[in-house]
Amino acid sequence: MPDGVLINGKGPYRHNKSLVPDGIDYETINVHPGKTYRIRVHNVGVSTSLNFRIQNHNLLLVETEGSYTVQQNYTNLDIHVGQSYSFLVMMDQNASSDYFIVASARFVNESLWRRVTGVAILHYTNSKGKASGPLPDPPNDLYDKTFSMNQARSIRWNVSAGAARPNPQGSFRYGSINVTQVYLLKNKPPVVINGKRRTTLNGISHSPSTTPIRLADQFDEEGVYTFDFPTRPLDGQPRIASSVINGTYRGFMEIIFQNNDTMVQSYHLDGYAFFVVGMDFGEWTENSRGTYNKWDGVARCTTQVFPGAWTAVLVSLDNVGVWNVRAENLDTWYLGQETYMRVVNPEQTNKTELAPPDNVLYCGRLESKQTPQTVHHQASSASFVYSADKIFTSLMMLLTIAAVFP
């Protein structure tokens, strides 16, 4: 269990004298009555889903991870590891006092985790007193994830919004594109492989190659990695390998994340936004495609997968490179719950990928090609000295005020 949830790098407001010690610096957001603020919230923690809420205020969801959403009001929203959201919040209260901003851990024993809750203050310029009373309640569903899943399903793509785009988001009709590749990626509880605790996807625990994959391609280094990553979970014994997904350039891939562990997983794909088209409890089957949202599933780069459940995404492979597919939970990621997707333009006149920069770092088999690097900053050894009794283990939530509207 961590020591606390930080909001903008600061500890909790002392809302409860028995839970929160005195003297902790806490975050205060100053606002003007009658104004509407855009508040962007990120869960940049390493393991725990958080529920975000502001006392007596509605959260009008408008954006997530670069996509405009259908605008809906929430009193609270679950934000899983690696996810971000933008809300419009109307300062429409009478400012009889300040208000609590709360980020609390989800799917944990609330009685044990109460001291971990992050609390900041929403302060009206005409406020008449300090925030008081109990914190706004979180959802009470420790043993039932249905509320959270239905909340996630309610987040939809705004197909009529376009902003700077010449065409609205909905002009990309992803539901009518033929799928060219399908990967069912299943994770299970940690296992022991070669005497060590490891995590897997489809029975493979990823071992990072010492030579960067794309540089190995450039210099025709064979055996650095393999293309045998299975499209379905393996039946045999789990193994450790540097196995990657061979994505077809300009193809359209369906990825199903199946979570057979006991905790919520967040999965992230570098270099892309994918369309979240479905999620449900139980094992995914071919018939599950009948439940897919093929019109306004939100486009994002990080999605949650509930325990004993699956989440399906669709992604257009138009970005050349080698991209990490990983669990955002730091423990499981470190233990091997990841892979890479290699997308290469086969055309000889390749205009879709930049050449390696002049200061590229060579390692592994290519170490002999390394040239001296310019040192931009050299820290003194004192910069790395810390006291073990002052380490503060925390979850982290960033909360930023992006804009003000009359």
Protein backbone atom coordinates (compact mmCIF):
# COMPACT_ATOMS: atom_id res chain seq x y z
CA MET A 1 0.00 0.00 0.00
CA PRO A 2 1.41 3.44 -0.90
CA ASP A 3 1.71 6.29 1.59
CA GLY A 4 -0.67 8.55 -0.27
CA VAL A 5 -2.13 9.97 -3.47
CA LEU A 6 -0.45 13.17 -4.63
CA ILE A 7 -2.35 15.83 -6.56
CA ASN A 8 -0.02 18.06 -8.58
CA GLY A 9 2.82 16.66 -6.50
CA LYS A 10 1.28 17.66 -3.17
CA GLY A 11 -0.13 15.68 -0.28
CA PRO A 12 -3.66 15.65 1.10
CA TYR A 13 -5.50 18.52 2.76
CA ARG A 14 -6.01 17.73 6.46
CA HIS A 15 -9.65 16.77 6.20
CA ASN A 16 -9.34 14.27 9.04
CA LYS A 17 -6.95 14.89 11.94
CA SER A 18 -6.65 11.19 12.78
CA LEU A 19 -5.74 10.22 9.19
CA VAL A 20 -3.71 13.17 7.90
CA PRO A 21 -0.79 14.59 9.89
CA ASP A 22 -0.36 18.33 10.26
CA GLY A 23 2.03 20.36 8.13
CA ILE A 24 1.51 18.66 4.74
CA ASP A 25 1.54 21.01 1.73
CA TYR A 26 -1.66 20.54 -0.29
CA GLU A 27 -2.91 21.80 -3.64
CA THR A 28 -5.40 24.69 -3.88
CA ILE A 29 -7.21 25.57 -7.11
CA ASN A 30 -8.44 29.18 -7.07
CA VAL A 31 -11.55 29.89 -9.13
CA HIS A 32 -14.01 32.73 -9.78
CA PRO A 33 -17.74 32.21 -9.23
CA GLY A 34 -19.82 31.94 -12.40
CA LYS A 35 -16.87 30.92 -14.56
CA THR A 36 -16.43 27.58 -16.33
CA TYR A 37 -13.04 25.94 -16.12
CA ARG A 38 -11.49 23.19 -18.17
CA ILE A 39 -9.82 20.80 -15.73
CA ARG A 40 -7.59 18.10 -17.16
CA VAL A 41 -6.92 15.10 -14.92
CA HIS A 42 -4.25 12.42 -15.42
CA ASN A 43 -3.62 9.25 -13.47
CA VAL A 44 0.18 9.04 -13.67
CA GLY A 45 0.46 6.43 -10.93
CA VAL A 46 2.01 3.01 -11.39
CA SER A 47 -0.60 0.54 -10.14
CA THR A 48 -3.94 1.81 -8.85
CA SER A 49 -7.15 3.05 -10.47
CA LEU A 50 -8.41 6.29 -8.96
CA ASN A 51 -11.88 7.79 -8.64
CA PHE A 52 -11.98 11.55 -9.20
CA ARG A 53 -14.70 13.88 -7.91
CA ILE A 54 -15.27 17.48 -6.77
CA GLN A 55 -17.63 18.09 -3.88
CA ASN A 56 -21.04 19.46 -5.03
CA HIS A 57 -19.86 19.98 -8.62
CA ASN A 58 -20.71 18.17 -11.85
CA LEU A 59 -17.93 17.07 -14.20
CA LEU A 60 -18.84 17.62 -17.86
CA LEU A 61 -16.61 15.23 -19.79
CA VAL A 62 -15.41 16.72 -23.10
CA GLU A 63 -12.13 15.01 -24.04
CA THR A 64 -9.94 12.01 -23.41
CA GLU A 65 -6.42 11.43 -24.71
CA GLY A 66 -6.79 13.68 -27.75
CA SER A 67 -10.34 12.70 -28.71
CA TYR A 68 -13.43 14.84 -28.22
CA THR A 69 -16.13 12.90 -26.42
CA VAL A 70 -19.90 13.14 -26.32
CA GLN A 71 -20.46 15.70 -23.56
CA GLN A 72 -21.92 14.04 -20.46
CA ASN A 73 -22.12 15.00 -16.79
CA TYR A 74 -20.59 12.78 -14.13
CA THR A 75 -20.48 13.22 -10.36
CA ASN A 76 -17.35 11.06 -10.29
CA LEU A 77 -15.24 9.18 -12.82
CA ASP A 78 -12.86 6.24 -12.58
CA ILE A 79 -9.50 7.11 -14.10
CA HIS A 80 -7.27 4.10 -14.60
CA VAL A 81 -3.49 4.03 -14.69
CA GLY A 82 -2.16 6.01 -17.66
CA GLN A 83 -5.49 7.59 -18.63
CA SER A 84 -6.38 11.27 -18.90
CA TYR A 85 -9.64 13.23 -19.18
CA SER A 86 -10.77 16.83 -19.62
CA PHE A 87 -13.81 18.19 -17.83
CA LEU A 88 -15.66 21.48 -18.00
CA VAL A 89 -16.63 22.46 -14.47
CA MET A 90 -19.07 25.29 -13.83
CA MET A 91 -18.39 27.24 -10.64
CA ASP A 92 -22.08 27.48 -9.75
CA GLN A 93 -22.06 27.01 -5.98
CA ASN A 94 -22.79 29.72 -3.40
CA ALA A 95 -19.24 29.61 -2.00
CA SER A 96 -20.39 29.27 1.58
CA SER A 97 -17.14 27.35 1.98
CA ASP A 98 -14.29 25.80 -0.03
CA TYR A 99 -14.88 22.41 -1.65
CA PHE A 100 -12.97 19.13 -1.60
CA ILE A 101 -11.27 17.77 -4.72
CA VAL A 102 -10.81 14.03 -4.15
CA ALA A 103 -8.85 11.22 -5.80
CA SER A 104 -9.28 7.89 -4.01
CA ALA A 105 -8.09 4.38 -4.80
CA ARG A 106 -10.59 2.05 -6.48
CA PHE A 107 -11.32 -1.64 -5.94
CA VAL A 108 -9.50 -1.73 -2.60
CA ASN A 109 -10.59 -2.17 1.01
CA GLU A 110 -11.79 1.37 1.76
CA SER A 111 -11.31 1.02 5.52
CA LEU A 112 -7.62 0.21 5.00
CA TRP A 113 -6.98 2.75 2.23
CA ARG A 114 -8.71 5.79 3.75
CA ARG A 115 -5.40 7.41 4.70
CA VAL A 116 -4.17 7.06 1.10
CA THR A 117 -6.86 9.35 -0.37
CA GLY A 118 -5.65 12.45 -2.19
CA VAL A 119 -7.47 15.66 -1.25
CA ALA A 120 -7.05 19.13 -2.73
CA ILE A 121 -9.12 22.30 -2.27
CA LEU A 122 -11.33 24.17 -4.73
CA HIS A 123 -11.32 27.76 -3.47
CA TYR A 124 -13.80 30.34 -4.72
CA THR A 125 -12.49 33.90 -4.59
CA ASN A 126 -15.53 34.84 -2.48
CA SER A 127 -15.39 31.76 -0.25
CA LYS A 128 -16.65 32.29 3.28
CA GLY A 129 -14.80 29.46 5.00
CA LYS A 130 -12.77 26.28 4.83
CA ALA A 131 -14.02 23.01 3.41
CA SER A 132 -15.60 20.85 6.06
CA GLY A 133 -17.61 17.71 6.64
CA PRO A 134 -17.04 14.25 5.17
CA LEU A 135 -15.45 13.78 1.76
CA PRO A 136 -17.86 13.09 -1.12
CA ASP A 137 -18.55 9.38 -1.26
CA PRO A 138 -16.87 7.13 -3.83
CA PRO A 139 -18.78 4.33 -5.57
CA ASN A 140 -19.39 1.50 -3.13
CA ASP A 141 -18.63 -1.52 -5.29
CA LEU A 142 -15.47 -3.21 -4.07
CA TYR A 143 -16.65 -6.63 -5.21
CA ASP A 144 -18.66 -5.59 -8.26
CA LYS A 145 -17.02 -3.85 -11.23
CA THR A 146 -20.27 -3.46 -13.18
CA PHE A 147 -20.71 0.23 -12.29
CA SER A 148 -17.20 1.06 -13.46
CA MET A 149 -17.56 -0.92 -16.68
CA ASN A 150 -20.89 0.72 -17.52
CA GLN A 151 -19.29 4.10 -16.83
CA ALA A 152 -16.47 3.24 -19.26
CA ARG A 153 -18.97 2.11 -21.90
CA SER A 154 -20.80 5.44 -21.60
CA ILE A 155 -17.75 7.36 -22.85
CA ARG A 156 -18.33 7.85 -26.57
CA TRP A 157 -16.58 9.56 -29.46
CA ASN A 158 -18.08 12.88 -30.53
CA VAL A 159 -18.48 12.12 -34.24
CA SER A 160 -19.59 15.66 -35.13
CA ALA A 161 -16.67 17.50 -33.48
CA GLY A 162 -13.70 18.49 -35.58
CA ALA A 163 -11.97 21.58 -34.14
CA ALA A 164 -8.90 22.19 -36.30
CA ARG A 165 -9.61 19.16 -38.48
CA PRO A 166 -11.12 19.86 -41.94
CA ASN A 167 -13.60 17.04 -41.33
CA PRO A 168 -15.35 15.90 -38.14
CA GLN A 169 -13.93 12.95 -36.20
CA GLY A 170 -16.79 10.74 -37.37
CA SER A 171 -15.74 11.01 -41.01
CA PHE A 172 -13.27 8.19 -40.26
CA ARG A 173 -15.73 5.32 -40.35
CA TYR A 174 -13.66 2.70 -38.60
CA GLY A 175 -16.58 0.28 -38.35
CA SER A 176 -16.64 -0.25 -42.12
CA ILE A 177 -12.94 -1.11 -42.51
CA ASN A 178 -12.04 -4.76 -43.08
CA VAL A 179 -9.89 -6.27 -40.32
CA THR A 180 -6.64 -7.75 -41.66
CA GLN A 181 -5.05 -9.08 -38.43
CA VAL A 182 -6.46 -10.32 -35.12
CA TYR A 183 -4.56 -10.75 -31.84
CA LEU A 184 -6.11 -12.09 -28.65
CA LEU A 185 -3.71 -11.07 -25.86
CA LYS A 186 -4.35 -12.88 -22.57
CA ASN A 187 -2.67 -12.14 -19.26
CA LYS A 188 -2.76 -14.39 -16.22
CA PRO A 189 -1.49 -14.14 -12.64
CA PRO A 190 2.32 -14.16 -12.29
CA VAL A 191 4.11 -17.47 -12.86
CA VAL A 192 7.58 -18.84 -12.16
CA ILE A 193 9.79 -19.28 -15.23
CA ASN A 194 13.36 -20.52 -14.81
CA GLY A 195 13.08 -19.95 -11.08
CA LYS A 196 11.98 -16.32 -11.37
CA ARG A 197 8.62 -14.63 -10.94
CA ARG A 198 7.37 -13.41 -14.34
CA THR A 199 4.22 -12.09 -16.01
CA THR A 200 3.11 -13.03 -19.51
CA LEU A 201 1.01 -12.19 -22.55
CA ASN A 202 -0.19 -15.27 -24.42
CA GLY A 203 2.26 -17.34 -22.40
CA ILE A 204 5.31 -15.26 -23.39
CA SER A 205 7.19 -13.09 -20.90
CA HIS A 206 9.00 -10.43 -22.86
CA SER A 207 12.77 -10.12 -22.54
CA PRO A 208 14.06 -6.84 -24.02
CA SER A 209 16.74 -7.37 -26.64
CA THR A 210 20.11 -5.74 -26.01
CA THR A 211 20.10 -4.42 -29.57
CA PRO A 212 17.28 -1.98 -30.51
CA ILE A 213 14.86 -3.67 -32.89
CA ARG A 214 14.78 -1.02 -35.58
CA LEU A 215 18.57 -0.63 -35.61
CA ALA A 216 18.89 -4.39 -35.90
CA ASP A 217 16.72 -4.15 -39.02
CA GLN A 218 18.84 -1.36 -40.47
CA PHE A 219 22.09 -3.28 -40.08
CA ASP A 220 20.63 -6.72 -40.96
CA GLU A 221 21.32 -8.21 -37.56
CA GLU A 222 19.42 -11.49 -37.43
CA GLY A 223 18.30 -13.30 -34.30
CA VAL A 224 17.81 -10.16 -32.20
CA TYR A 225 14.07 -10.85 -32.05
CA THR A 226 11.54 -13.22 -33.57
CA PHE A 227 8.20 -12.82 -35.33
CA ASP A 228 6.60 -15.81 -33.62
CA PHE A 229 4.41 -13.90 -31.16
CA PRO A 230 1.22 -15.99 -31.07
CA THR A 231 -2.12 -14.58 -32.23
CA ARG A 232 -3.83 -16.66 -29.51
CA PRO A 233 -2.71 -17.78 -26.03
CA LEU A 234 -0.23 -20.65 -26.02
CA ASP A 235 -1.28 -23.99 -24.54
CA GLY A 236 2.19 -25.05 -23.46
CA GLN A 237 4.50 -23.90 -20.69
CA PRO A 238 5.13 -20.14 -20.48
CA ARG A 239 8.52 -18.98 -21.74
CA ILE A 240 10.77 -15.94 -21.89
CA ALA A 241 11.43 -14.54 -25.37
CA SER A 242 12.04 -11.40 -27.45
CA SER A 243 9.02 -12.05 -29.63
CA VAL A 244 7.25 -9.19 -31.44
CA ILE A 245 4.05 -8.70 -33.42
CA ASN A 246 4.55 -8.24 -37.17
CA GLY A 247 2.02 -5.55 -38.03
CA THR A 248 1.07 -5.02 -41.66
CA TYR A 249 1.60 -1.43 -42.79
CA ARG A 250 -1.75 0.18 -43.64
CA GLY A 251 -3.50 -2.86 -42.25
CA PHE A 252 -6.36 -2.75 -39.75
CA MET A 253 -5.79 -4.77 -36.59
CA GLU A 254 -8.22 -6.07 -33.98
CA ILE A 255 -6.70 -6.58 -30.53
CA ILE A 256 -8.61 -8.25 -27.72
CA PHE A 257 -7.13 -7.86 -24.24
CA GLN A 258 -8.29 -10.72 -22.01
CA ASN A 259 -7.58 -10.20 -18.31
CA ASN A 260 -7.52 -13.47 -16.38
CA ASP A 261 -5.82 -11.90 -13.37
CA THR A 262 -7.58 -10.61 -10.23
CA MET A 263 -6.78 -6.89 -10.63
CA VAL A 264 -7.70 -4.20 -13.15
CA GLN A 265 -5.17 -3.89 -15.97
CA SER A 266 -4.49 -0.84 -18.13
CA TYR A 267 -2.97 -1.43 -21.55
CA HIS A 268 -1.16 1.21 -23.60
CA LEU A 269 -0.04 1.20 -27.23
CA ASP A 270 2.72 3.63 -28.18
CA GLY A 271 2.46 5.55 -31.45
CA TYR A 272 -1.26 5.04 -31.99
CA ALA A 273 -4.78 5.81 -30.90
CA PHE A 274 -7.09 2.80 -31.05
CA PHE A 275 -10.88 2.60 -31.04
CA VAL A 276 -12.34 0.97 -27.93
CA VAL A 277 -15.21 -1.00 -29.45
CA GLY A 278 -16.24 -3.40 -26.71
CA MET A 279 -15.76 -4.74 -23.20
CA ASP A 280 -17.55 -7.33 -21.12
CA PHE A 281 -17.06 -9.89 -18.38
CA GLY A 282 -16.17 -13.50 -19.14
CA GLU A 283 -14.10 -15.02 -21.93
CA TRP A 284 -14.07 -13.34 -25.34
CA THR A 285 -15.46 -15.46 -28.18
CA GLU A 286 -16.03 -14.89 -31.89
CA ASN A 287 -19.66 -14.13 -31.04
CA SER A 288 -18.52 -11.19 -28.87
CA ARG A 289 -18.04 -9.17 -32.05
CA GLY A 290 -21.80 -8.86 -32.24
CA THR A 291 -21.64 -6.47 -29.26
CA TYR A 292 -18.99 -4.17 -30.79
CA ASN A 293 -19.65 -0.44 -31.11
CA LYS A 294 -18.78 0.25 -34.75
CA TRP A 295 -19.79 3.89 -34.83
CA ASP A 296 -18.70 6.04 -31.89
CA GLY A 297 -16.24 4.02 -29.82
CA VAL A 298 -13.78 6.50 -28.38
CA ALA A 299 -10.26 6.73 -29.84
CA ARG A 300 -7.55 6.68 -27.17
CA CYS A 301 -4.15 5.12 -26.41
CA THR A 302 -4.80 3.53 -22.98
CA THR A 303 -7.71 1.29 -22.02
CA GLN A 304 -8.74 -0.55 -18.88
CA VAL A 305 -9.42 -4.28 -18.76
CA PHE A 306 -11.36 -5.47 -15.73
CA PRO A 307 -10.47 -8.73 -13.96
CA GLY A 308 -12.22 -11.70 -15.51
CA ALA A 309 -13.16 -9.55 -18.50
CA TRP A 310 -12.05 -8.47 -21.96
CA THR A 311 -11.67 -5.23 -23.90
CA ALA A 312 -11.53 -5.10 -27.72
CA VAL A 313 -9.88 -2.33 -29.75
CA LEU A 314 -9.39 -1.60 -33.44
CA VAL A 315 -6.31 0.20 -34.77
CA SER A 316 -5.27 1.45 -38.19
CA LEU A 317 -1.58 0.66 -38.70
CA ASP A 318 -0.50 3.84 -40.49
CA ASN A 319 2.46 4.83 -38.30
CA VAL A 320 5.75 3.18 -39.24
CA GLY A 321 8.05 2.09 -36.42
CA VAL A 322 8.39 -0.34 -33.53
CA TRP A 323 5.77 0.32 -30.88
CA ASN A 324 5.45 -0.94 -27.32
CA VAL A 325 2.26 -2.73 -26.23
CA ARG A 326 2.36 -2.91 -22.44
CA ALA A 327 0.56 -3.16 -19.16
CA GLU A 328 0.68 0.19 -17.36
CA ASN A 329 0.94 -1.47 -13.96
CA LEU A 330 4.67 -1.04 -13.29
CA ASP A 331 5.13 -4.38 -11.50
CA THR A 332 3.58 -6.49 -14.24
CA TRP A 333 5.23 -4.45 -17.01
CA TYR A 334 8.66 -4.90 -15.42
CA LEU A 335 8.09 -8.64 -15.06
CA GLY A 336 7.41 -9.09 -18.77
CA GLN A 337 3.76 -8.27 -19.53
CA GLU A 338 4.49 -6.47 -22.78
CA THR A 339 5.50 -6.96 -26.38
CA TYR A 340 6.35 -4.80 -29.39
CA MET A 341 4.54 -4.26 -32.66
CA ARG A 342 6.75 -3.74 -35.71
CA VAL A 343 5.16 -1.80 -38.58
CA VAL A 344 7.40 -1.30 -41.64
CA ASN A 345 6.65 0.28 -45.01
CA PRO A 346 7.74 -2.29 -47.63
CA GLU A 347 8.05 0.30 -50.42
CA GLN A 348 11.60 0.97 -51.59
CA THR A 349 11.12 4.75 -51.65
CA ASN A 350 10.27 4.96 -47.97
CA LYS A 351 9.09 8.46 -47.09
CA THR A 352 7.19 7.41 -43.99
CA GLU A 353 10.04 6.98 -41.50
CA LEU A 354 12.80 9.37 -40.50
CA ALA A 355 16.41 8.24 -40.55
CA PRO A 356 18.10 7.64 -37.18
CA PRO A 357 19.39 10.89 -35.65
CA ASP A 358 23.11 11.66 -35.63
CA ASN A 359 23.29 11.12 -31.87
CA VAL A 360 21.62 7.71 -31.92
CA LEU A 361 22.85 5.38 -29.18
CA TYR A 362 24.21 2.03 -30.34
CA CYS A 363 24.29 -0.92 -27.97
CA GLY A 364 24.20 -4.69 -27.95
CA ARG A 365 25.60 -6.11 -31.17
CA LEU A 366 26.05 -2.59 -32.58
CA GLU A 367 28.07 -1.24 -29.68
CA SER A 368 31.19 -0.92 -31.88
CA LYS A 369 29.42 1.74 -33.99
CA GLN A 370 28.94 4.07 -31.02
CA THR A 371 30.61 7.47 -31.36
CA PRO A 372 31.48 9.84 -28.49
CA GLN A 373 28.47 11.76 -27.22
CA THR A 374 28.38 15.41 -26.20
CA VAL A 375 27.76 15.68 -22.46
CA HIS A 376 25.01 18.26 -21.90
CA HIS A 377 24.78 17.89 -18.13
CA GLN A 378 26.81 16.09 -15.52
CA ALA A 379 25.25 15.74 -12.09
CA SER A 380 27.35 15.62 -8.99
CA SER A 381 27.24 12.44 -6.94
CA ALA A 382 25.48 14.38 -4.20
CA SER A 383 22.43 14.66 -6.44
CA PHE A 384 21.81 10.96 -6.03
CA VAL A 385 22.13 10.73 -2.26
CA TYR A 386 18.91 10.14 -0.34
CA SER A 387 17.89 8.96 3.06
CA ALA A 388 16.06 5.64 3.11
CA ASP A 389 13.77 6.75 5.91
CA LYS A 390 12.50 9.65 3.80
CA ILE A 391 11.29 7.66 0.82
CA PHE A 392 7.61 8.45 0.16
CA THR A 393 5.78 5.85 -1.86
CA SER A 394 2.86 7.42 -3.64
CA LEU A 395 0.29 7.25 -6.34
CA MET A 396 0.19 10.36 -8.48
CA MET A 397 -2.57 12.38 -10.11
CA LEU A 398 -1.89 15.51 -12.14
CA LEU A 399 -4.67 18.07 -12.20
CA THR A 400 -4.30 21.11 -14.43
CA ILE A 401 -6.48 24.11 -15.17
CA ALA A 402 -6.30 24.55 -18.93
CA ALA A 403 -8.72 27.34 -19.76
CA VAL A 404 -11.31 29.70 -18.34
CA PHE A 405 -14.59 30.64 -20.00
CA PRO A 406 -17.02 33.44 -19.06
